[in-house]
C-alpha atoms as a PDB file:
ATOM      1  CA  MET A   1       0.000   0.000   0.000  1.00  0.00           C
ATOM      2  CA  PRO A   2       1.442   3.436  -0.929  1.00  0.00           C
ATOM      3  CA  SER A   3       2.359   5.819   1.865  1.00  0.00           C
ATOM      4  CA  SER A   4      -0.256   8.451   2.814  1.00  0.00           C
ATOM      5  CA  ASN A   5       2.421  11.145   2.362  1.00  0.00           C
ATOM      6  CA  ARG A   6       3.183  10.112  -1.186  1.00  0.00           C
ATOM      7  CA  LEU A   7       1.526  12.101  -3.983  1.00  0.00           C
ATOM      8  CA  THR A   8      -0.584  10.220  -6.462  1.00  0.00           C
ATOM      9  CA  GLY A   9       0.433  10.494 -10.102  1.00  0.00           C
ATOM     10  CA  VAL A  10      -2.446  12.874 -10.953  1.00  0.00           C
ATOM     11  CA  ASN A  11      -1.871  15.192  -7.975  1.00  0.00           C
ATOM     12  CA  ALA A  12       1.874  15.283  -8.556  1.00  0.00           C
ATOM     13  CA  ALA A  13       1.358  16.171 -12.209  1.00  0.00           C
ATOM     14  CA  VAL A  14      -1.024  18.993 -11.372  1.00  0.00           C
ATOM     15  CA  ILE A  15       1.257  20.528  -8.727  1.00  0.00           C
ATOM     16  CA  PHE A  16       4.279  20.233 -11.022  1.00  0.00           C
ATOM     17  CA  ALA A  17       2.359  21.941 -13.816  1.00  0.00           C
ATOM     18  CA  LEU A  18       1.262  24.775 -11.517  1.00  0.00           C
ATOM     19  CA  LEU A  19       4.826  25.276 -10.253  1.00  0.00           C
ATOM     20  CA  ALA A  20       6.027  25.392 -13.838  1.00  0.00           C
ATOM     21  CA  GLY A  21       3.416  28.025 -14.692  1.00  0.00           C
ATOM     22  CA  ILE A  22       1.389  25.637 -16.838  1.00  0.00           C
ATOM     23  CA  VAL A  23      -2.252  24.923 -15.998  1.00  0.00           C
ATOM     24  CA  PRO A  24      -3.706  21.721 -17.483  1.00  0.00           C
ATOM     25  CA  PRO A  25      -6.795  22.391 -19.647  1.00  0.00           C
ATOM     26  CA  LEU A  26      -8.905  20.309 -17.281  1.00  0.00           C
ATOM     27  CA  PHE A  27      -8.374  22.834 -14.457  1.00  0.00           C
ATOM     28  CA  ALA A  28      -7.870  26.057 -16.437  1.00  0.00           C
ATOM     29  CA  GLN A  29     -11.444  27.286 -16.085  1.00  0.00           C
ATOM     30  CA  GLU A  30     -11.470  26.745 -12.321  1.00  0.00           C
ATOM     31  CA  ILE A  31      -8.719  29.307 -11.597  1.00  0.00           C
ATOM     32  CA  VAL A  32     -10.378  32.736 -11.719  1.00  0.00           C
ATOM     33  CA  ILE A  33      -9.027  35.789  -9.919  1.00  0.00           C
ATOM     34  CA  LEU A  34     -12.105  37.699  -8.789  1.00  0.00           C
ATOM     35  CA  ASP A  35     -10.222  40.555  -7.138  1.00  0.00           C
ATOM     36  CA  GLU A  36      -6.848  41.520  -5.770  1.00  0.00           C
ATOM     37  CA  ILE A  37      -5.634  43.192  -2.581  1.00  0.00           C
ATOM     38  CA  VAL A  38      -3.791  46.398  -3.433  1.00  0.00           C
ATOM     39  CA  ALA A  39      -3.305  47.735   0.088  1.00  0.00           C
ATOM     40  CA  LYS A  40      -4.154  46.989   3.692  1.00  0.00           C
ATOM     41  CA  VAL A  41      -4.841  49.725   6.242  1.00  0.00           C
ATOM     42  CA  ASN A  42      -5.005  48.244   9.744  1.00  0.00           C
ATOM     43  CA  GLN A  43      -7.811  45.659   9.485  1.00  0.00           C
ATOM     44  CA  GLU A  44      -9.323  46.986   6.249  1.00  0.00           C
ATOM     45  CA  ILE A  45      -8.270  46.338   2.674  1.00  0.00           C
ATOM     46  CA  ILE A  46      -8.297  48.325  -0.559  1.00  0.00           C
ATOM     47  CA  THR A  47      -8.912  46.094  -3.546  1.00  0.00           C
ATOM     48  CA  LEU A  48      -8.244  46.462  -7.234  1.00  0.00           C
ATOM     49  CA  SER A  49     -12.012  46.829  -7.710  1.00  0.00           C
ATOM     50  CA  ASP A  50     -11.996  49.771  -5.281  1.00  0.00           C
ATOM     51  CA  ILE A  51      -9.193  51.400  -7.265  1.00  0.00           C
ATOM     52  CA  LYS A  52     -11.012  50.872 -10.576  1.00  0.00           C
ATOM     53  CA  LYS A  53     -14.197  52.462  -9.217  1.00  0.00           C
ATOM     54  CA  GLU A  54     -12.271  55.514  -8.027  1.00  0.00           C
ATOM     55  CA  LEU A  55     -10.437  55.811 -11.346  1.00  0.00           C
ATOM     56  CA  LEU A  56     -13.741  55.601 -13.223  1.00  0.00           C
ATOM     57  CA  SER A  57     -15.216  58.307 -11.000  1.00  0.00           C
ATOM     58  CA  LEU A  58     -12.101  60.466 -11.436  1.00  0.00           C
ATOM     59  CA  LYS A  59     -12.184  60.258 -15.228  1.00  0.00           C
ATOM     60  CA  SER A  60     -15.935  60.876 -15.319  1.00  0.00           C
ATOM     61  CA  GLY A  61     -15.500  64.028 -13.248  1.00  0.00           C
ATOM     62  CA  LEU A  62     -12.607  65.283 -15.362  1.00  0.00           C
ATOM     63  CA  ARG A  63     -14.621  64.798 -18.565  1.00  0.00           C
ATOM     64  CA  ARG A  64     -17.104  67.370 -17.280  1.00  0.00           C
ATOM     65  CA  GLU A  65     -14.279  69.851 -16.662  1.00  0.00           C
ATOM     66  CA  ILE A  66     -11.862  69.255 -19.554  1.00  0.00           C
ATOM     67  CA  GLN A  67     -12.926  68.960 -23.200  1.00  0.00           C
ATOM     68  CA  ASN A  68      -9.502  68.513 -24.839  1.00  0.00           C
ATOM     69  CA  PRO A  69      -8.655  64.746 -24.942  1.00  0.00           C
ATOM     70  CA  GLN A  70      -4.888  65.282 -24.533  1.00  0.00           C
ATOM     71  CA  ALA A  71      -5.319  67.684 -21.623  1.00  0.00           C
ATOM     72  CA  LEU A  72      -7.857  65.320 -20.076  1.00  0.00           C
ATOM     73  CA  GLU A  73      -5.495  62.335 -20.246  1.00  0.00           C
ATOM     74  CA  LYS A  74      -2.581  64.365 -18.868  1.00  0.00           C
ATOM     75  CA  GLU A  75      -4.605  65.564 -15.880  1.00  0.00           C
ATOM     76  CA  PHE A  76      -5.993  62.061 -15.327  1.00  0.00           C
ATOM     77  CA  GLN A  77      -2.512  60.503 -15.215  1.00  0.00           C
ATOM     78  CA  GLU A  78      -1.266  63.167 -12.792  1.00  0.00           C
ATOM     79  CA  ARG A  79      -4.169  62.682 -10.408  1.00  0.00           C
ATOM     80  CA  LYS A  80      -4.004  58.905 -10.770  1.00  0.00           C
ATOM     81  CA  ARG A  81      -0.501  58.919  -9.264  1.00  0.00           C
ATOM     82  CA  THR A  82      -1.822  60.199  -5.918  1.00  0.00           C
ATOM     83  CA  LEU A  83      -5.106  58.283  -5.942  1.00  0.00           C
ATOM     84  CA  LEU A  84      -3.983  55.332  -3.810  1.00  0.00           C
ATOM     85  CA  ARG A  85      -2.240  57.613  -1.299  1.00  0.00           C
ATOM     86  CA  ASN A  86      -5.448  59.640  -0.938  1.00  0.00           C
ATOM     87  CA  MET A  87      -7.513  56.470  -0.499  1.00  0.00           C
ATOM     88  CA  ILE A  88      -5.173  55.221   2.239  1.00  0.00           C
ATOM     89  CA  GLN A  89      -5.180  58.570   4.036  1.00  0.00           C
ATOM     90  CA  ASN A  90      -8.952  58.739   3.808  1.00  0.00           C
ATOM     91  CA  LYS A  91      -9.251  55.201   5.176  1.00  0.00           C
ATOM     92  CA  ILE A  92      -7.067  56.104   8.184  1.00  0.00           C
ATOM     93  CA  LEU A  93      -9.114  59.225   8.912  1.00  0.00           C
ATOM     94  CA  LEU A  94     -12.410  57.334   8.624  1.00  0.00           C
ATOM     95  CA  GLN A  95     -11.170  54.633  10.985  1.00  0.00           C
ATOM     96  CA  ARG A  96     -10.197  57.279  13.524  1.00  0.00           C
ATOM     97  CA  GLY A  97     -13.584  58.934  13.104  1.00  0.00           C
ATOM     98  CA  GLU A  98     -15.313  55.620  13.781  1.00  0.00           C
ATOM     99  CA  GLU A  99     -13.204  55.090  16.913  1.00  0.00           C
ATOM    100  CA  LEU A 100     -14.185  58.509  18.259  1.00  0.00           C
ATOM    101  CA  GLY A 101     -17.862  58.058  17.438  1.00  0.00           C
ATOM    102  CA  VAL A 102     -17.893  60.910  14.931  1.00  0.00           C
ATOM    103  CA  SER A 103     -20.108  58.904  12.583  1.00  0.00           C
ATOM    104  CA  ALA A 104     -22.722  58.066  15.236  1.00  0.00           C
ATOM    105  CA  ASN A 105     -25.451  60.459  14.055  1.00  0.00           C
ATOM    106  CA  ILE A 106     -23.995  61.425  10.703  1.00  0.00           C
ATOM    107  CA  ASP A 107     -26.693  59.647   8.653  1.00  0.00           C
ATOM    108  CA  VAL A 108     -29.227  62.298   9.696  1.00  0.00           C
ATOM    109  CA  ASP A 109     -26.945  65.049   8.398  1.00  0.00           C
ATOM    110  CA  VAL A 110     -26.328  63.120   5.164  1.00  0.00           C
ATOM    111  CA  ALA A 111     -30.069  62.731   4.564  1.00  0.00           C
ATOM    112  CA  ALA A 112     -30.670  66.431   5.258  1.00  0.00           C
ATOM    113  CA  THR A 113     -27.873  67.480   2.894  1.00  0.00           C
ATOM    114  CA  LEU A 114     -29.166  65.198   0.144  1.00  0.00           C
ATOM    115  CA  GLU A 115     -32.668  66.596   0.535  1.00  0.00           C
ATOM    116  CA  GLN A 116     -31.376  70.166   0.439  1.00  0.00           C
ATOM    117  CA  MET A 117     -29.363  69.399  -2.688  1.00  0.00           C
ATOM    118  CA  ARG A 118     -32.372  67.736  -4.333  1.00  0.00           C
ATOM    119  CA  LYS A 119     -34.641  70.704  -3.677  1.00  0.00           C
ATOM    120  CA  GLY A 120     -32.003  73.227  -4.720  1.00  0.00           C
ATOM    121  CA  SER A 121     -31.519  71.424  -8.029  1.00  0.00           C
ATOM    122  CA  GLY A 122     -35.253  71.135  -8.692  1.00  0.00           C
ATOM    123  CA  ILE A 123     -35.099  67.333  -8.766  1.00  0.00           C
ATOM    124  CA  PRO A 124     -38.562  65.890  -7.945  1.00  0.00           C
ATOM    125  CA  ASN A 125     -37.412  62.894  -5.874  1.00  0.00           C
ATOM    126  CA  LEU A 126     -34.422  60.739  -4.942  1.00  0.00           C
ATOM    127  CA  GLU A 127     -35.272  58.165  -7.624  1.00  0.00           C
ATOM    128  CA  VAL A 128     -34.740  60.793 -10.313  1.00  0.00           C
ATOM    129  CA  LEU A 129     -31.528  61.890  -8.578  1.00  0.00           C
ATOM    130  CA  ASP A 130     -30.344  58.290  -8.666  1.00  0.00           C
ATOM    131  CA  GLN A 131     -31.073  58.104 -12.403  1.00  0.00           C
ATOM    132  CA  TYR A 132     -29.122  61.299 -13.004  1.00  0.00           C
ATOM    133  CA  LEU A 133     -26.140  60.053 -10.977  1.00  0.00           C
ATOM    134  CA  ARG A 134     -26.149  56.740 -12.862  1.00  0.00           C
ATOM    135  CA  GLN A 135     -25.944  58.674 -16.119  1.00  0.00           C
ATOM    136  CA  GLN A 136     -22.786  60.268 -14.709  1.00  0.00           C
ATOM    137  CA  GLY A 137     -21.301  56.860 -13.869  1.00  0.00           C
ATOM    138  CA  SER A 138     -22.241  56.945 -10.172  1.00  0.00           C
ATOM    139  CA  SER A 139     -25.350  56.152  -8.121  1.00  0.00           C
ATOM    140  CA  LEU A 140     -27.309  57.526  -5.187  1.00  0.00           C
ATOM    141  CA  GLU A 141     -25.811  54.858  -2.927  1.00  0.00           C
ATOM    142  CA  GLN A 142     -22.250  55.759  -3.946  1.00  0.00           C
ATOM    143  CA  TYR A 143     -22.930  59.477  -3.601  1.00  0.00           C
ATOM    144  CA  ARG A 144     -24.506  58.975  -0.157  1.00  0.00           C
ATOM    145  CA  ARG A 145     -21.476  56.959   0.967  1.00  0.00           C
ATOM    146  CA  SER A 146     -19.018  59.562  -0.382  1.00  0.00           C
ATOM    147  CA  LEU A 147     -20.960  62.366   1.302  1.00  0.00           C
ATOM    148  CA  LYS A 148     -20.971  60.491   4.602  1.00  0.00           C
ATOM    149  CA  GLU A 149     -17.228  59.861   4.443  1.00  0.00           C
ATOM    150  CA  LYS A 150     -16.549  63.515   3.629  1.00  0.00           C
ATOM    151  CA  MET A 151     -18.650  64.659   6.587  1.00  0.00           C
ATOM    152  CA  ILE A 152     -16.808  62.311   8.948  1.00  0.00           C
ATOM    153  CA  VAL A 153     -13.388  63.499   7.751  1.00  0.00           C
ATOM    154  CA  ASP A 154     -14.438  67.172   7.839  1.00  0.00           C
ATOM    155  CA  SER A 155     -15.762  66.786  11.383  1.00  0.00           C
ATOM    156  CA  LEU A 156     -12.563  65.082  12.493  1.00  0.00           C
ATOM    157  CA  VAL A 157     -10.326  67.714  10.924  1.00  0.00           C
ATOM    158  CA  GLN A 158     -12.460  70.505  12.384  1.00  0.00           C
ATOM    159  CA  GLN A 159     -12.148  68.987  15.855  1.00  0.00           C
ATOM    160  CA  PHE A 160      -8.399  68.335  15.834  1.00  0.00           C
ATOM    161  CA  VAL A 161      -7.006  70.985  13.472  1.00  0.00           C
ATOM    162  CA  TYR A 162      -9.269  73.885  12.487  1.00  0.00           C
ATOM    163  CA  SER A 163     -10.618  74.456  16.009  1.00  0.00           C
ATOM    164  CA  LYS A 164      -7.073  75.358  17.111  1.00  0.00           C
ATOM    165  CA  ILE A 165      -6.595  78.054  14.461  1.00  0.00           C
ATOM    166  CA  THR A 166      -7.147  81.731  15.210  1.00  0.00           C
ATOM    167  CA  LEU A 167      -7.750  84.276  12.468  1.00  0.00           C
ATOM    168  CA  LEU A 168      -7.648  88.024  13.166  1.00  0.00           C
ATOM    169  CA  THR A 169      -9.170  90.869  11.133  1.00  0.00           C
ATOM    170  CA  PRO A 170      -5.746  92.483  10.389  1.00  0.00           C
ATOM    171  CA  GLU A 171      -4.624  89.191   8.827  1.00  0.00           C
ATOM    172  CA  ILE A 172      -7.676  89.154   6.555  1.00  0.00           C
ATOM    173  CA  GLU A 173      -7.115  92.764   5.498  1.00  0.00           C
ATOM    174  CA  ALA A 174      -3.399  92.194   4.843  1.00  0.00           C
ATOM    175  CA  TYR A 175      -4.168  89.115   2.711  1.00  0.00           C
ATOM    176  CA  TYR A 176      -6.734  91.112   0.743  1.00  0.00           C
ATOM    177  CA  GLN A 177      -4.225  93.873  -0.051  1.00  0.00           C
ATOM    178  CA  ALA A 178      -1.459  91.415  -0.923  1.00  0.00           C
ATOM    179  CA  ASN A 179      -3.731  89.627  -3.413  1.00  0.00           C
ATOM    180  CA  ILE A 180      -5.657  92.595  -4.757  1.00  0.00           C
ATOM    181  CA  ASP A 181      -4.975  91.601  -8.386  1.00  0.00           C
ATOM    182  CA  ARG A 182      -6.739  88.284  -7.823  1.00  0.00           C
ATOM    183  CA  PHE A 183      -9.732  90.071  -6.359  1.00  0.00           C
ATOM    184  CA  THR A 184     -10.094  92.471  -9.289  1.00  0.00           C
ATOM    185  CA  GLU A 185     -12.410  91.585 -12.154  1.00  0.00           C
ATOM    186  CA  ALA A 186     -10.837  92.304 -15.541  1.00  0.00           C
ATOM    187  CA  ALA A 187     -12.426  94.756 -17.944  1.00  0.00           C
ATOM    188  CA  GLU A 188     -14.859  93.063 -20.334  1.00  0.00           C
ATOM    189  CA  VAL A 189     -16.341  93.736 -23.771  1.00  0.00           C
ATOM    190  CA  GLU A 190     -19.253  92.210 -25.664  1.00  0.00           C
ATOM    191  CA  LEU A 191     -18.526  92.029 -29.402  1.00  0.00           C
ATOM    192  CA  LYS A 192     -20.017  91.385 -32.816  1.00  0.00           C
ATOM    193  CA  GLU A 193     -17.963  90.643 -35.913  1.00  0.00           C
ATOM    194  CA  ILE A 194     -17.941  90.546 -39.678  1.00  0.00           C
ATOM    195  CA  LEU A 195     -15.325  87.985 -40.691  1.00  0.00           C
ATOM    196  CA  PHE A 196     -13.599  87.530 -44.043  1.00  0.00           C
ATOM    197  CA  LEU A 197     -11.586  84.298 -44.247  1.00  0.00           C
ATOM    198  CA  THR A 198      -8.374  84.370 -46.299  1.00  0.00           C
ATOM    199  CA  GLU A 199      -7.190  80.747 -46.314  1.00  0.00           C
ATOM    200  CA  GLY A 200      -6.944  79.461 -49.892  1.00  0.00           C
ATOM    201  CA  LYS A 201      -8.176  82.792 -51.299  1.00  0.00           C
ATOM    202  CA  ASP A 202      -6.744  85.796 -53.109  1.00  0.00           C
ATOM    203  CA  LYS A 203      -5.987  88.083 -50.153  1.00  0.00           C
ATOM    204  CA  VAL A 204      -6.148  91.190 -52.330  1.00  0.00           C
ATOM    205  CA  GLN A 205      -9.701  90.354 -53.341  1.00  0.00           C
ATOM    206  CA  VAL A 206     -10.672  89.499 -49.765  1.00  0.00           C
ATOM    207  CA  ARG A 207      -9.392  92.879 -48.549  1.00  0.00           C
ATOM    208  CA  LYS A 208     -11.232  94.646 -51.355  1.00  0.00           C
ATOM    209  CA  LYS A 209     -14.471  92.983 -50.237  1.00  0.00           C
ATOM    210  CA  ALA A 210     -13.789  93.922 -46.601  1.00  0.00           C
ATOM    211  CA  GLU A 211     -13.186  97.555 -47.597  1.00  0.00           C
ATOM    212  CA  GLU A 212     -16.494  97.638 -49.488  1.00  0.00           C
ATOM    213  CA  VAL A 213     -18.358  96.370 -46.416  1.00  0.00           C
ATOM    214  CA  LEU A 214     -16.527  98.858 -44.177  1.00  0.00           C
ATOM    215  CA  GLY A 215     -17.589 101.623 -46.552  1.00  0.00           C
ATOM    216  CA  LYS A 216     -21.220 100.543 -46.214  1.00  0.00           C
ATOM    217  CA  LEU A 217     -20.891 100.647 -42.418  1.00  0.00           C
ATOM    218  CA  GLN A 218     -19.424 104.132 -42.572  1.00  0.00           C
ATOM    219  CA  SER A 219     -22.377 105.158 -44.755  1.00  0.00           C
ATOM    220  CA  GLY A 220     -24.782 104.103 -42.010  1.00  0.00           C
ATOM    221  CA  ALA A 221     -25.680 100.531 -42.979  1.00  0.00           C
ATOM    222  CA  SER A 222     -26.688  98.129 -40.156  1.00  0.00           C
ATOM    223  CA  PHE A 223     -23.747  96.150 -38.759  1.00  0.00           C
ATOM    224  CA  GLU A 224     -26.052  93.232 -37.974  1.00  0.00           C
ATOM    225  CA  ASP A 225     -27.526  93.113 -41.480  1.00  0.00           C
ATOM    226  CA  LEU A 226     -24.085  93.231 -43.083  1.00  0.00           C
ATOM    227  CA  ALA A 227     -22.830  90.504 -40.736  1.00  0.00           C
ATOM    228  CA  LYS A 228     -25.682  88.232 -41.821  1.00  0.00           C
ATOM    229  CA  GLN A 229     -24.998  88.985 -45.473  1.00  0.00           C
ATOM    230  CA  TYR A 230     -21.198  89.036 -45.690  1.00  0.00           C
ATOM    231  CA  SER A 231     -19.600  87.410 -42.637  1.00  0.00           C
ATOM    232  CA  GLU A 232     -18.044  84.031 -43.418  1.00  0.00           C
ATOM    233  CA  GLY A 233     -17.775  82.790 -39.865  1.00  0.00           C
ATOM    234  CA  PRO A 234     -20.249  80.648 -37.907  1.00  0.00           C
ATOM    235  CA  THR A 235     -21.491  83.794 -36.150  1.00  0.00           C
ATOM    236  CA  ALA A 236     -23.125  85.139 -39.327  1.00  0.00           C
ATOM    237  CA  SER A 237     -26.447  83.495 -38.448  1.00  0.00           C
ATOM    238  CA  ARG A 238     -26.340  85.331 -35.087  1.00  0.00           C
ATOM    239  CA  ALA A 239     -25.877  88.733 -36.752  1.00  0.00           C
ATOM    240  CA  GLY A 240     -22.164  88.538 -35.907  1.00  0.00           C
ATOM    241  CA  ASP A 241     -22.559  88.003 -32.156  1.00  0.00           C
ATOM    242  CA  ILE A 242     -19.388  86.424 -30.736  1.00  0.00           C
ATOM    243  CA  GLY A 243     -20.041  86.985 -27.021  1.00  0.00           C
ATOM    244  CA  SER A 244     -18.194  88.643 -24.135  1.00  0.00           C
ATOM    245  CA  PHE A 245     -14.446  88.616 -23.513  1.00  0.00           C
ATOM    246  CA  LYS A 246     -12.343  89.663 -20.558  1.00  0.00           C
ATOM    247  CA  LYS A 247      -9.209  91.692 -21.099  1.00  0.00           C
ATOM    248  CA  GLY A 248      -6.273  89.388 -21.670  1.00  0.00           C
ATOM    249  CA  SER A 249      -8.295  86.614 -23.313  1.00  0.00           C
ATOM    250  CA  MET A 250      -8.300  87.791 -26.949  1.00  0.00           C
ATOM    251  CA  ALA A 251      -5.788  87.936 -29.778  1.00  0.00           C
ATOM    252  CA  GLU A 252      -3.700  91.090 -29.366  1.00  0.00           C
ATOM    253  CA  PRO A 253      -4.862  93.068 -32.462  1.00  0.00           C
ATOM    254  CA  ILE A 254      -8.545  92.410 -31.702  1.00  0.00           C
ATOM    255  CA  GLU A 255      -8.174  93.224 -28.001  1.00  0.00           C
ATOM    256  CA  GLU A 256      -6.291  96.433 -28.703  1.00  0.00           C
ATOM    257  CA  ALA A 257      -9.053  97.638 -31.035  1.00  0.00           C
ATOM    258  CA  ALA A 258     -11.916  96.437 -28.802  1.00  0.00           C
ATOM    259  CA  PHE A 259     -10.823  98.353 -25.694  1.00  0.00           C
ATOM    260  CA  GLN A 260     -10.143 101.543 -27.639  1.00  0.00           C
ATOM    261  CA  LEU A 261     -13.693 101.639 -29.001  1.00  0.00           C
ATOM    262  CA  GLU A 262     -16.716 102.975 -27.163  1.00  0.00           C
ATOM    263  CA  GLU A 263     -20.037 101.172 -26.944  1.00  0.00           C
ATOM    264  CA  GLY A 264     -21.764 101.141 -30.334  1.00  0.00           C
ATOM    265  CA  GLN A 265     -18.596 101.909 -32.300  1.00  0.00           C
ATOM    266  CA  PHE A 266     -17.078  99.599 -34.919  1.00  0.00           C
ATOM    267  CA  SER A 267     -13.447  99.129 -35.865  1.00  0.00           C
ATOM    268  CA  GLY A 268     -11.555  99.370 -39.091  1.00  0.00           C
ATOM    269  CA  ILE A 269     -10.275  96.237 -40.804  1.00  0.00           C
ATOM    270  CA  ILE A 270      -8.249  94.098 -38.378  1.00  0.00           C
ATOM    271  CA  GLU A 271      -5.826  91.546 -39.799  1.00  0.00           C
ATOM    272  CA  THR A 272      -5.688  88.221 -37.960  1.00  0.00           C
ATOM    273  CA  GLU A 273      -3.972  84.903 -38.619  1.00  0.00           C
ATOM    274  CA  TYR A 274      -7.125  83.464 -40.180  1.00  0.00           C
ATOM    275  CA  GLY A 275      -8.485  86.453 -42.078  1.00  0.00           C
ATOM    276  CA  LEU A 276      -9.782  90.014 -41.848  1.00  0.00           C
ATOM    277  CA  GLN A 277     -12.249  91.159 -39.227  1.00  0.00           C
ATOM    278  CA  ILE A 278     -14.412  94.154 -38.424  1.00  0.00           C
ATOM    279  CA  ILE A 279     -15.717  94.258 -34.851  1.00  0.00           C
ATOM    280  CA  LYS A 280     -18.413  96.249 -33.082  1.00  0.00           C
ATOM    281  CA  VAL A 281     -18.468  96.876 -29.337  1.00  0.00           C
ATOM    282  CA  MET A 282     -21.937  96.195 -27.966  1.00  0.00           C
ATOM    283  CA  SER A 283     -21.153  96.811 -24.293  1.00  0.00           C
ATOM    284  CA  LYS A 284     -18.170  97.432 -22.015  1.00  0.00           C
ATOM    285  CA  LYS A 285     -17.457  96.813 -18.355  1.00  0.00           C
ATOM    286  CA  ALA A 286     -14.575  98.529 -16.618  1.00  0.00           C
ATOM    287  CA  ALA A 287     -12.245  96.592 -14.350  1.00  0.00           C
ATOM    288  CA  ARG A 288     -13.776  96.247 -10.860  1.00  0.00           C
ATOM    289  CA  GLN A 289     -12.018  95.719  -7.579  1.00  0.00           C
ATOM    290  CA  LYS A 290     -14.195  93.495  -5.416  1.00  0.00           C
ATOM    291  CA  PRO A 291     -14.777  95.009  -1.960  1.00  0.00           C
ATOM    292  CA  LEU A 292     -13.385  93.115   1.016  1.00  0.00           C
ATOM    293  CA  GLU A 293     -16.794  92.316   2.476  1.00  0.00           C
ATOM    294  CA  GLU A 294     -17.860  90.647  -0.775  1.00  0.00           C
ATOM    295  CA  ILE A 295     -15.000  88.168  -0.725  1.00  0.00           C
ATOM    296  CA  ARG A 296     -14.342  87.895   3.012  1.00  0.00           C
ATOM    297  CA  PRO A 297     -15.671  84.275   3.156  1.00  0.00           C
ATOM    298  CA  GLN A 298     -13.311  83.296   0.315  1.00  0.00           C
ATOM    299  CA  ILE A 299     -10.338  84.910   2.056  1.00  0.00           C
ATOM    300  CA  VAL A 300     -11.212  83.311   5.385  1.00  0.00           C
ATOM    301  CA  GLY A 301     -11.398  79.916   3.695  1.00  0.00           C
ATOM    302  CA  GLU A 302      -8.037  80.370   1.976  1.00  0.00           C
ATOM    303  CA  LEU A 303      -6.331  81.571   5.151  1.00  0.00           C
ATOM    304  CA  TYR A 304      -7.751  78.737   7.227  1.00  0.00           C
ATOM    305  CA  GLN A 305      -6.557  76.235   4.644  1.00  0.00           C
ATOM    306  CA  LYS A 306      -3.104  77.809   4.529  1.00  0.00           C
ATOM    307  CA  LYS A 307      -2.802  77.898   8.322  1.00  0.00           C
ATOM    308  CA  ALA A 308      -4.152  74.383   8.634  1.00  0.00           C
ATOM    309  CA  GLU A 309      -1.552  72.728   6.384  1.00  0.00           C
ATOM    310  CA  PRO A 310       1.128  72.184   9.087  1.00  0.00           C
ATOM    311  CA  GLY A 311      -1.512  71.016  11.576  1.00  0.00           C
ATOM    312  CA  LEU A 312      -3.101  68.665   9.055  1.00  0.00           C
ATOM    313  CA  LYS A 313       0.273  67.173   8.229  1.00  0.00           C
ATOM    314  CA  GLU A 314       1.132  66.709  11.902  1.00  0.00           C
ATOM    315  CA  PHE A 315      -2.308  65.245  12.669  1.00  0.00           C
ATOM    316  CA  PHE A 316      -2.141  62.753   9.833  1.00  0.00           C
ATOM    317  CA  GLU A 317       1.444  61.779  10.645  1.00  0.00           C
ATOM    318  CA  SER A 318       0.393  60.927  14.195  1.00  0.00           C
ATOM    319  CA  LEU A 319      -2.419  58.732  12.850  1.00  0.00           C
ATOM    320  CA  ARG A 320      -0.134  57.122  10.291  1.00  0.00           C
ATOM    321  CA  GLU A 321       2.445  56.220  12.945  1.00  0.00           C
ATOM    322  CA  GLN A 322      -0.284  54.397  14.882  1.00  0.00           C
ATOM    323  CA  SER A 323      -1.461  52.504  11.800  1.00  0.00           C
ATOM    324  CA  TYR A 324      -0.364  49.408   9.939  1.00  0.00           C
ATOM    325  CA  ILE A 325      -0.108  50.148   6.200  1.00  0.00           C
ATOM    326  CA  TYR A 326       0.816  47.621   3.537  1.00  0.00           C
ATOM    327  CA  VAL A 327       0.909  48.274  -0.217  1.00  0.00           C
ATOM    328  CA  ALA A 328       1.496  45.405  -2.632  1.00  0.00           C
ATOM    329  CA  ALA A 329       4.896  45.757  -4.340  1.00  0.00           C
ATOM    330  CA  LYS A 330       3.486  45.763  -7.895  1.00  0.00           C
ATOM    331  CA  TYR A 331       1.500  48.952  -7.127  1.00  0.00           C
ATOM    332  CA  ARG A 332       4.289  50.935  -5.456  1.00  0.00           C
ATOM    333  CA  GLU A 333       5.667  52.132  -8.791  1.00  0.00           C
ATOM    334  CA  GLU A 334       2.291  52.797 -10.414  1.00  0.00           C
ATOM    335  CA  TYR A 335       1.106  54.963  -7.508  1.00  0.00           C
ATOM    336  CA  ASP A 336       2.915  57.525  -5.382  1.00  0.00           C
ATOM    337  CA  VAL A 337       2.868  56.003  -1.894  1.00  0.00           C
ATOM    338  CA  GLU A 338       6.343  57.071  -0.799  1.00  0.00           C
ATOM    339  CA  GLY A 339       6.527  57.534   2.953  1.00  0.00           C
ATOM    340  CA  LEU A 340       3.366  55.600   3.813  1.00  0.00           C
END
């Protein structure tokens, strides 16, 4: 009788094949990796599925902010690098919040915030809100969970960091004066145009046409009527309306002409890289320095955040030192987790 410790021929063959990296066809369909542990934070884990959900949410959010595909991908890759670090830090903060009982009555606040958001957005009920969120790649359940986690972290940070910060009126006033350029709205003009494209055309003939139209304007013809009739740009159907522009946002020759004109005046022929243009100023707004009281909440928020940075770092470091953090080796290069 063979020894009980001796492998049978079938078992030995299977183990040898697995060690050699070869899976027999008979067993190939049985080996399925459902998920993978990426990191462990104390007694909780972060899985590959968790990472994928966050990446999907990140890209979905960026798509609403960035239209250019190259810029979108660049921003996505930059934020992806810190995603795992942020997830680990958030997990540590949530665990601490749970320990301190911060989350005890938070569900009531979450429900109230959701209801306030629903009413403010004119959404008839939570079912419709759920449908909307699903169209954005999320769901009401996911949004409720994210909101709850944010409230727990905010409450924790308020208790241990922000509550220790003092902010005096002279500091607010000094910050306002030091950043006055940021708190000044740029001058703005609303324009209409008559555009003559030159690409692939005889530029002499294009200019001749532009001069004829300018002559009609100078003789009292309607700018809007001439824009509809002669403008070659997509704004022709809107009587030349191209919208409002802040100073510093337009091509130099157009901006120079626009801010020299008064409301109701039109320019001469302006040469641009794509053609010739005649513009009309419909309205103008002078630069405006926002008064301190108007932006005090913004300044207070910025100062609190600035003052809180050392305290936040110290607070998190103390929590990190008390925590067990493991990140699988294969993810340490893909994500920035240095120092965790």
